[in-house]
Amino acid sequence: MAKVSELRDMSVDQLEATLKETTEHFFRLRLQAQTERLDAPSELRKCRRLIARIKTIRNERAAAEANQSTESNEQE
C-alpha cells in the first residue's frame, strides 16, 4: 500500500490510475468476500482506506486550485 507522502508526490494522472486500479481491486475483493473465498479480510479495509486517501488528496488539490484562482481574480 502506498503511503500518503507517496500519493502526494504523484501527478493527477497517476492518482487517477491508482484510484481506478484500487477500485477494481476492491470490487474483486468484495466479490470474493460474498462467495466466502476471501483469504485476508483486512485487505478490504486497506483498499477502502486507500481509496479514501486518494479521493482526499484529489479534493485537497481541487480546493487549493479553486482558492488560487479566487485569489488571482481578487487581485485583478
PDB file of N, CA and C in Angstrom:
ATOM      1  N   MET A   1       0.841  -1.176   0.000  1.00  0.00           N
ATOM      2  CA  MET A   1       0.000   0.000   0.000  1.00  0.00           C
ATOM      3  C   MET A   1       0.886   1.239   0.000  1.00  0.00           C
ATOM      4  N   ALA A   2       0.458   2.234  -0.738  1.00  0.00           N
ATOM      5  CA  ALA A   2       1.218   3.463  -0.863  1.00  0.00           C
ATOM      6  C   ALA A   2       1.020   4.338   0.368  1.00  0.00           C
ATOM      7  N   LYS A   3       2.089   4.971   0.769  1.00  0.00           N
ATOM      8  CA  LYS A   3       1.996   5.899   1.888  1.00  0.00           C
ATOM      9  C   LYS A   3       1.422   7.220   1.390  1.00  0.00           C
ATOM     10  N   VAL A   4       0.955   8.029   2.310  1.00  0.00           N
ATOM     11  CA  VAL A   4       0.352   9.312   1.957  1.00  0.00           C
ATOM     12  C   VAL A   4       1.372  10.203   1.247  1.00  0.00           C
ATOM     13  N   SER A   5       2.609  10.195   1.717  1.00  0.00           N
ATOM     14  CA  SER A   5       3.628  11.032   1.082  1.00  0.00           C
ATOM     15  C   SER A   5       3.881  10.589  -0.365  1.00  0.00           C
ATOM     16  N   GLU A   6       3.822   9.278  -0.608  1.00  0.00           N
ATOM     17  CA  GLU A   6       3.986   8.776  -1.974  1.00  0.00           C
ATOM     18  C   GLU A   6       2.803   9.194  -2.845  1.00  0.00           C
ATOM     19  N   LEU A   7       1.608   9.173  -2.276  1.00  0.00           N
ATOM     20  CA  LEU A   7       0.429   9.585  -3.025  1.00  0.00           C
ATOM     21  C   LEU A   7       0.479  11.070  -3.354  1.00  0.00           C
ATOM     22  N   ARG A   8       0.945  11.874  -2.410  1.00  0.00           N
ATOM     23  CA  ARG A   8       1.020  13.315  -2.649  1.00  0.00           C
ATOM     24  C   ARG A   8       2.053  13.669  -3.718  1.00  0.00           C
ATOM     25  N   ASP A   9       3.069  12.827  -3.885  1.00  0.00           N
ATOM     26  CA  ASP A   9       4.090  13.074  -4.895  1.00  0.00           C
ATOM     27  C   ASP A   9       3.629  12.695  -6.299  1.00  0.00           C
ATOM     28  N   MET A  10       2.537  11.949  -6.402  1.00  0.00           N
ATOM     29  CA  MET A  10       2.035  11.508  -7.702  1.00  0.00           C
ATOM     30  C   MET A  10       1.361  12.657  -8.443  1.00  0.00           C
ATOM     31  N   SER A  11       1.390  12.549  -9.771  1.00  0.00           N
ATOM     32  CA  SER A  11       0.676  13.528 -10.584  1.00  0.00           C
ATOM     33  C   SER A  11      -0.811  13.188 -10.571  1.00  0.00           C
ATOM     34  N   VAL A  12      -1.602  14.061 -11.134  1.00  0.00           N
ATOM     35  CA  VAL A  12      -3.052  13.856 -11.165  1.00  0.00           C
ATOM     36  C   VAL A  12      -3.384  12.594 -11.959  1.00  0.00           C
ATOM     37  N   ASP A  13      -2.709  12.400 -13.081  1.00  0.00           N
ATOM     38  CA  ASP A  13      -2.960  11.219 -13.911  1.00  0.00           C
ATOM     39  C   ASP A  13      -2.598   9.935 -13.176  1.00  0.00           C
ATOM     40  N   GLN A  14      -1.482   9.959 -12.467  1.00  0.00           N
ATOM     41  CA  GLN A  14      -1.069   8.784 -11.709  1.00  0.00           C
ATOM     42  C   GLN A  14      -2.074   8.480 -10.594  1.00  0.00           C
ATOM     43  N   LEU A  15      -2.562   9.526  -9.939  1.00  0.00           N
ATOM     44  CA  LEU A  15      -3.559   9.338  -8.883  1.00  0.00           C
ATOM     45  C   LEU A  15      -4.839   8.719  -9.445  1.00  0.00           C
ATOM     46  N   GLU A  16      -5.271   9.218 -10.582  1.00  0.00           N
ATOM     47  CA  GLU A  16      -6.488   8.688 -11.193  1.00  0.00           C
ATOM     48  C   GLU A  16      -6.310   7.226 -11.578  1.00  0.00           C
ATOM     49  N   ALA A  17      -5.142   6.882 -12.119  1.00  0.00           N
ATOM     50  CA  ALA A  17      -4.878   5.492 -12.496  1.00  0.00           C
ATOM     51  C   ALA A  17      -4.847   4.592 -11.258  1.00  0.00           C
ATOM     52  N   THR A  18      -4.217   5.074 -10.199  1.00  0.00           N
ATOM     53  CA  THR A  18      -4.163   4.308  -8.953  1.00  0.00           C
ATOM     54  C   THR A  18      -5.555   4.135  -8.365  1.00  0.00           C
ATOM     55  N   LEU A  19      -6.357   5.183  -8.427  1.00  0.00           N
ATOM     56  CA  LEU A  19      -7.732   5.115  -7.924  1.00  0.00           C
ATOM     57  C   LEU A  19      -8.546   4.084  -8.705  1.00  0.00           C
ATOM     58  N   LYS A  20      -8.419   4.105 -10.016  1.00  0.00           N
ATOM     59  CA  LYS A  20      -9.158   3.157 -10.849  1.00  0.00           C
ATOM     60  C   LYS A  20      -8.727   1.720 -10.547  1.00  0.00           C
ATOM     61  N   GLU A  21      -7.424   1.521 -10.454  1.00  0.00           N
ATOM     62  CA  GLU A  21      -6.885   0.190 -10.172  1.00  0.00           C
ATOM     63  C   GLU A  21      -7.345  -0.319  -8.799  1.00  0.00           C
ATOM     64  N   THR A  22      -7.288   0.549  -7.813  1.00  0.00           N
ATOM     65  CA  THR A  22      -7.667   0.172  -6.452  1.00  0.00           C
ATOM     66  C   THR A  22      -9.164  -0.099  -6.358  1.00  0.00           C
ATOM     67  N   THR A  23      -9.964   0.688  -7.060  1.00  0.00           N
ATOM     68  CA  THR A  23     -11.411   0.482  -7.054  1.00  0.00           C
ATOM     69  C   THR A  23     -11.762  -0.869  -7.677  1.00  0.00           C
ATOM     70  N   GLU A  24     -11.091  -1.211  -8.768  1.00  0.00           N
ATOM     71  CA  GLU A  24     -11.326  -2.513  -9.396  1.00  0.00           C
ATOM     72  C   GLU A  24     -10.900  -3.647  -8.466  1.00  0.00           C
ATOM     73  N   HIS A  25      -9.766  -3.464  -7.797  1.00  0.00           N
ATOM     74  CA  HIS A  25      -9.289  -4.475  -6.852  1.00  0.00           C
ATOM     75  C   HIS A  25     -10.277  -4.640  -5.692  1.00  0.00           C
ATOM     76  N   PHE A  26     -10.806  -3.528  -5.206  1.00  0.00           N
ATOM     77  CA  PHE A  26     -11.783  -3.554  -4.115  1.00  0.00           C
ATOM     78  C   PHE A  26     -13.050  -4.304  -4.546  1.00  0.00           C
ATOM     79  N   PHE A  27     -13.471  -4.079  -5.786  1.00  0.00           N
ATOM     80  CA  PHE A  27     -14.650  -4.771  -6.308  1.00  0.00           C
ATOM     81  C   PHE A  27     -14.421  -6.280  -6.328  1.00  0.00           C
ATOM     82  N   ARG A  28     -13.244  -6.694  -6.813  1.00  0.00           N
ATOM     83  CA  ARG A  28     -12.925  -8.123  -6.853  1.00  0.00           C
ATOM     84  C   ARG A  28     -12.890  -8.717  -5.444  1.00  0.00           C
ATOM     85  N   LEU A  29     -12.334  -7.969  -4.496  1.00  0.00           N
ATOM     86  CA  LEU A  29     -12.294  -8.446  -3.115  1.00  0.00           C
ATOM     87  C   LEU A  29     -13.691  -8.592  -2.535  1.00  0.00           C
ATOM     88  N   ARG A  30     -14.569  -7.648  -2.847  1.00  0.00           N
ATOM     89  CA  ARG A  30     -15.941  -7.739  -2.347  1.00  0.00           C
ATOM     90  C   ARG A  30     -16.651  -8.959  -2.914  1.00  0.00           C
ATOM     91  N   LEU A  31     -16.400  -9.254  -4.184  1.00  0.00           N
ATOM     92  CA  LEU A  31     -16.997 -10.456  -4.772  1.00  0.00           C
ATOM     93  C   LEU A  31     -16.471 -11.708  -4.080  1.00  0.00           C
ATOM     94  N   GLN A  32     -15.186 -11.736  -3.813  1.00  0.00           N
ATOM     95  CA  GLN A  32     -14.603 -12.880  -3.112  1.00  0.00           C
ATOM     96  C   GLN A  32     -15.188 -13.007  -1.711  1.00  0.00           C
ATOM     97  N   ALA A  33     -15.414 -11.886  -1.048  1.00  0.00           N
ATOM     98  CA  ALA A  33     -15.970 -11.923   0.301  1.00  0.00           C
ATOM     99  C   ALA A  33     -17.395 -12.473   0.283  1.00  0.00           C
ATOM    100  N   GLN A  34     -18.153 -12.149  -0.752  1.00  0.00           N
ATOM    101  CA  GLN A  34     -19.527 -12.635  -0.843  1.00  0.00           C
ATOM    102  C   GLN A  34     -19.576 -14.134  -1.105  1.00  0.00           C
ATOM    103  N   THR A  35     -18.582 -14.641  -1.810  1.00  0.00           N
ATOM    104  CA  THR A  35     -18.562 -16.078  -2.108  1.00  0.00           C
ATOM    105  C   THR A  35     -17.757 -16.844  -1.064  1.00  0.00           C
ATOM    106  N   GLU A  36     -17.362 -16.146   0.001  1.00  0.00           N
ATOM    107  CA  GLU A  36     -16.646 -16.729   1.140  1.00  0.00           C
ATOM    108  C   GLU A  36     -15.317 -17.377   0.760  1.00  0.00           C
ATOM    109  N   ARG A  37     -14.626 -16.784  -0.190  1.00  0.00           N
ATOM    110  CA  ARG A  37     -13.316 -17.285  -0.568  1.00  0.00           C
ATOM    111  C   ARG A  37     -12.213 -16.265  -0.272  1.00  0.00           C
ATOM    112  N   LEU A  38     -12.504 -15.282   0.533  1.00  0.00           N
ATOM    113  CA  LEU A  38     -11.546 -14.219   0.816  1.00  0.00           C
ATOM    114  C   LEU A  38     -10.530 -14.693   1.850  1.00  0.00           C
ATOM    115  N   ASP A  39      -9.246 -14.639   1.475  1.00  0.00           N
ATOM    116  CA  ASP A  39      -8.184 -15.107   2.368  1.00  0.00           C
ATOM    117  C   ASP A  39      -7.872 -14.110   3.475  1.00  0.00           C
ATOM    118  N   ALA A  40      -7.798 -12.831   3.125  1.00  0.00           N
ATOM    119  CA  ALA A  40      -7.418 -11.798   4.093  1.00  0.00           C
ATOM    120  C   ALA A  40      -8.501 -10.722   4.151  1.00  0.00           C
ATOM    121  N   PRO A  41      -9.428 -10.825   5.099  1.00  0.00           N
ATOM    122  CA  PRO A  41     -10.487  -9.812   5.202  1.00  0.00           C
ATOM    123  C   PRO A  41      -9.962  -8.396   5.469  1.00  0.00           C
ATOM    124  N   SER A  42      -8.772  -8.299   6.044  1.00  0.00           N
ATOM    125  CA  SER A  42      -8.206  -6.969   6.307  1.00  0.00           C
ATOM    126  C   SER A  42      -7.873  -6.232   5.013  1.00  0.00           C
ATOM    127  N   GLU A  43      -7.792  -6.966   3.922  1.00  0.00           N
ATOM    128  CA  GLU A  43      -7.497  -6.358   2.624  1.00  0.00           C
ATOM    129  C   GLU A  43      -8.625  -5.425   2.184  1.00  0.00           C
ATOM    130  N   LEU A  44      -9.857  -5.743   2.565  1.00  0.00           N
ATOM    131  CA  LEU A  44     -10.988  -4.872   2.250  1.00  0.00           C
ATOM    132  C   LEU A  44     -10.814  -3.500   2.898  1.00  0.00           C
ATOM    133  N   ARG A  45     -10.456  -3.500   4.155  1.00  0.00           N
ATOM    134  CA  ARG A  45     -10.258  -2.240   4.883  1.00  0.00           C
ATOM    135  C   ARG A  45      -9.118  -1.431   4.276  1.00  0.00           C
ATOM    136  N   LYS A  46      -8.034  -2.116   3.919  1.00  0.00           N
ATOM    137  CA  LYS A  46      -6.889  -1.422   3.331  1.00  0.00           C
ATOM    138  C   LYS A  46      -7.269  -0.748   2.015  1.00  0.00           C
ATOM    139  N   CYS A  47      -8.026  -1.463   1.196  1.00  0.00           N
ATOM    140  CA  CYS A  47      -8.446  -0.886  -0.084  1.00  0.00           C
ATOM    141  C   CYS A  47      -9.381   0.301   0.118  1.00  0.00           C
ATOM    142  N   ARG A  48     -10.332   0.150   1.041  1.00  0.00           N
ATOM    143  CA  ARG A  48     -11.260   1.251   1.316  1.00  0.00           C
ATOM    144  C   ARG A  48     -10.518   2.494   1.769  1.00  0.00           C
ATOM    145  N   ARG A  49      -9.563   2.298   2.646  1.00  0.00           N
ATOM    146  CA  ARG A  49      -8.815   3.441   3.165  1.00  0.00           C
ATOM    147  C   ARG A  49      -7.923   4.069   2.100  1.00  0.00           C
ATOM    148  N   LEU A  50      -7.330   3.253   1.230  1.00  0.00           N
ATOM    149  CA  LEU A  50      -6.504   3.792   0.153  1.00  0.00           C
ATOM    150  C   LEU A  50      -7.356   4.614  -0.807  1.00  0.00           C
ATOM    151  N   ILE A  51      -8.550   4.122  -1.118  1.00  0.00           N
ATOM    152  CA  ILE A  51      -9.461   4.877  -1.982  1.00  0.00           C
ATOM    153  C   ILE A  51      -9.814   6.210  -1.331  1.00  0.00           C
ATOM    154  N   ALA A  52     -10.084   6.191  -0.038  1.00  0.00           N
ATOM    155  CA  ALA A  52     -10.416   7.427   0.678  1.00  0.00           C
ATOM    156  C   ALA A  52      -9.240   8.403   0.681  1.00  0.00           C
ATOM    157  N   ARG A  53      -8.031   7.889   0.867  1.00  0.00           N
ATOM    158  CA  ARG A  53      -6.841   8.756   0.861  1.00  0.00           C
ATOM    159  C   ARG A  53      -6.665   9.426  -0.501  1.00  0.00           C
ATOM    160  N   ILE A  54      -6.824   8.639  -1.559  1.00  0.00           N
ATOM    161  CA  ILE A  54      -6.650   9.190  -2.902  1.00  0.00           C
ATOM    162  C   ILE A  54      -7.700  10.261  -3.169  1.00  0.00           C
ATOM    163  N   LYS A  55      -8.939   9.993  -2.801  1.00  0.00           N
ATOM    164  CA  LYS A  55     -10.003  10.976  -3.020  1.00  0.00           C
ATOM    165  C   LYS A  55      -9.776  12.234  -2.191  1.00  0.00           C
ATOM    166  N   THR A  56      -9.265  12.077  -0.979  1.00  0.00           N
ATOM    167  CA  THR A  56      -8.981  13.229  -0.129  1.00  0.00           C
ATOM    168  C   THR A  56      -7.904  14.107  -0.754  1.00  0.00           C
ATOM    169  N   ILE A  57      -6.845  13.492  -1.227  1.00  0.00           N
ATOM    170  CA  ILE A  57      -5.767  14.253  -1.859  1.00  0.00           C
ATOM    171  C   ILE A  57      -6.278  14.950  -3.107  1.00  0.00           C
ATOM    172  N   ARG A  58      -7.099  14.257  -3.874  1.00  0.00           N
ATOM    173  CA  ARG A  58      -7.670  14.845  -5.086  1.00  0.00           C
ATOM    174  C   ARG A  58      -8.528  16.060  -4.734  1.00  0.00           C
ATOM    175  N   ASN A  59      -9.342  15.940  -3.686  1.00  0.00           N
ATOM    176  CA  ASN A  59     -10.197  17.056  -3.263  1.00  0.00           C
ATOM    177  C   ASN A  59      -9.381  18.211  -2.696  1.00  0.00           C
ATOM    178  N   GLU A  60      -8.301  17.904  -1.975  1.00  0.00           N
ATOM    179  CA  GLU A  60      -7.434  18.958  -1.449  1.00  0.00           C
ATOM    180  C   GLU A  60      -6.821  19.758  -2.584  1.00  0.00           C
ATOM    181  N   ARG A  61      -6.369  19.058  -3.608  1.00  0.00           N
ATOM    182  CA  ARG A  61      -5.769  19.742  -4.759  1.00  0.00           C
ATOM    183  C   ARG A  61      -6.799  20.607  -5.477  1.00  0.00           C
ATOM    184  N   ALA A  62      -8.007  20.106  -5.624  1.00  0.00           N
ATOM    185  CA  ALA A  62      -9.058  20.875  -6.284  1.00  0.00           C
ATOM    186  C   ALA A  62      -9.397  22.128  -5.477  1.00  0.00           C
ATOM    187  N   ALA A  63      -9.445  21.989  -4.157  1.00  0.00           N
ATOM    188  CA  ALA A  63      -9.747  23.146  -3.305  1.00  0.00           C
ATOM    189  C   ALA A  63      -8.625  24.173  -3.365  1.00  0.00           C
ATOM    190  N   ALA A  64      -7.381  23.694  -3.374  1.00  0.00           N
ATOM    191  CA  ALA A  64      -6.244  24.611  -3.459  1.00  0.00           C
ATOM    192  C   ALA A  64      -6.248  25.348  -4.796  1.00  0.00           C
ATOM    193  N   GLU A  65      -6.603  24.633  -5.853  1.00  0.00           N
ATOM    194  CA  GLU A  65      -6.666  25.237  -7.177  1.00  0.00           C
ATOM    195  C   GLU A  65      -7.766  26.292  -7.234  1.00  0.00           C
ATOM    196  N   ALA A  66      -8.909  25.981  -6.658  1.00  0.00           N
ATOM    197  CA  ALA A  66     -10.023  26.930  -6.638  1.00  0.00           C
ATOM    198  C   ALA A  66      -9.667  28.151  -5.805  1.00  0.00           C
ATOM    199  N   ASN A  67      -8.973  27.923  -4.699  1.00  0.00           N
ATOM    200  CA  ASN A  67      -8.554  29.019  -3.844  1.00  0.00           C
ATOM    201  C   ASN A  67      -7.557  29.922  -4.572  1.00  0.00           C
ATOM    202  N   GLN A  68      -6.650  29.317  -5.299  1.00  0.00           N
ATOM    203  CA  GLN A  68      -5.659  30.099  -6.051  1.00  0.00           C
ATOM    204  C   GLN A  68      -6.339  30.948  -7.133  1.00  0.00           C
ATOM    205  N   SER A  69      -7.283  30.362  -7.843  1.00  0.00           N
ATOM    206  CA  SER A  69      -7.963  31.115  -8.902  1.00  0.00           C
ATOM    207  C   SER A  69      -8.812  32.235  -8.318  1.00  0.00           C
ATOM    208  N   THR A  70      -9.391  32.008  -7.146  1.00  0.00           N
ATOM    209  CA  THR A  70     -10.174  33.050  -6.483  1.00  0.00           C
ATOM    210  C   THR A  70      -9.278  34.205  -6.058  1.00  0.00           C
ATOM    211  N   GLU A  71      -8.112  33.883  -5.504  1.00  0.00           N
ATOM    212  CA  GLU A  71      -7.172  34.920  -5.082  1.00  0.00           C
ATOM    213  C   GLU A  71      -6.649  35.713  -6.269  1.00  0.00           C
ATOM    214  N   SER A  72      -6.373  35.041  -7.369  1.00  0.00           N
ATOM    215  CA  SER A  72      -5.860  35.752  -8.541  1.00  0.00           C
ATOM    216  C   SER A  72      -6.930  36.641  -9.139  1.00  0.00           C
ATOM    217  N   ASN A  73      -8.203  36.231  -9.069  1.00  0.00           N
ATOM    218  CA  ASN A  73      -9.293  37.055  -9.573  1.00  0.00           C
ATOM    219  C   ASN A  73      -9.507  38.276  -8.679  1.00  0.00           C
ATOM    220  N   GLU A  74      -9.301  38.142  -7.383  1.00  0.00           N
ATOM    221  CA  GLU A  74      -9.459  39.257  -6.459  1.00  0.00           C
ATOM    222  C   GLU A  74      -8.370  40.299  -6.656  1.00  0.00           C
ATOM    223  N   GLN A  75      -7.184  39.882  -7.040  1.00  0.00           N
ATOM    224  CA  GLN A  75      -6.062  40.801  -7.231  1.00  0.00           C
ATOM    225  C   GLN A  75      -6.207  41.622  -8.498  1.00  0.00           C
ATOM    226  N   GLU A  76      -6.970  41.144  -9.448  1.00  0.00           N
ATOM    227  CA  GLU A  76      -7.110  41.854 -10.719  1.00  0.00           C
ATOM    228  C   GLU A  76      -8.030  43.003 -10.659  1.00  0.00           C
TER     229      GLU A  76
END
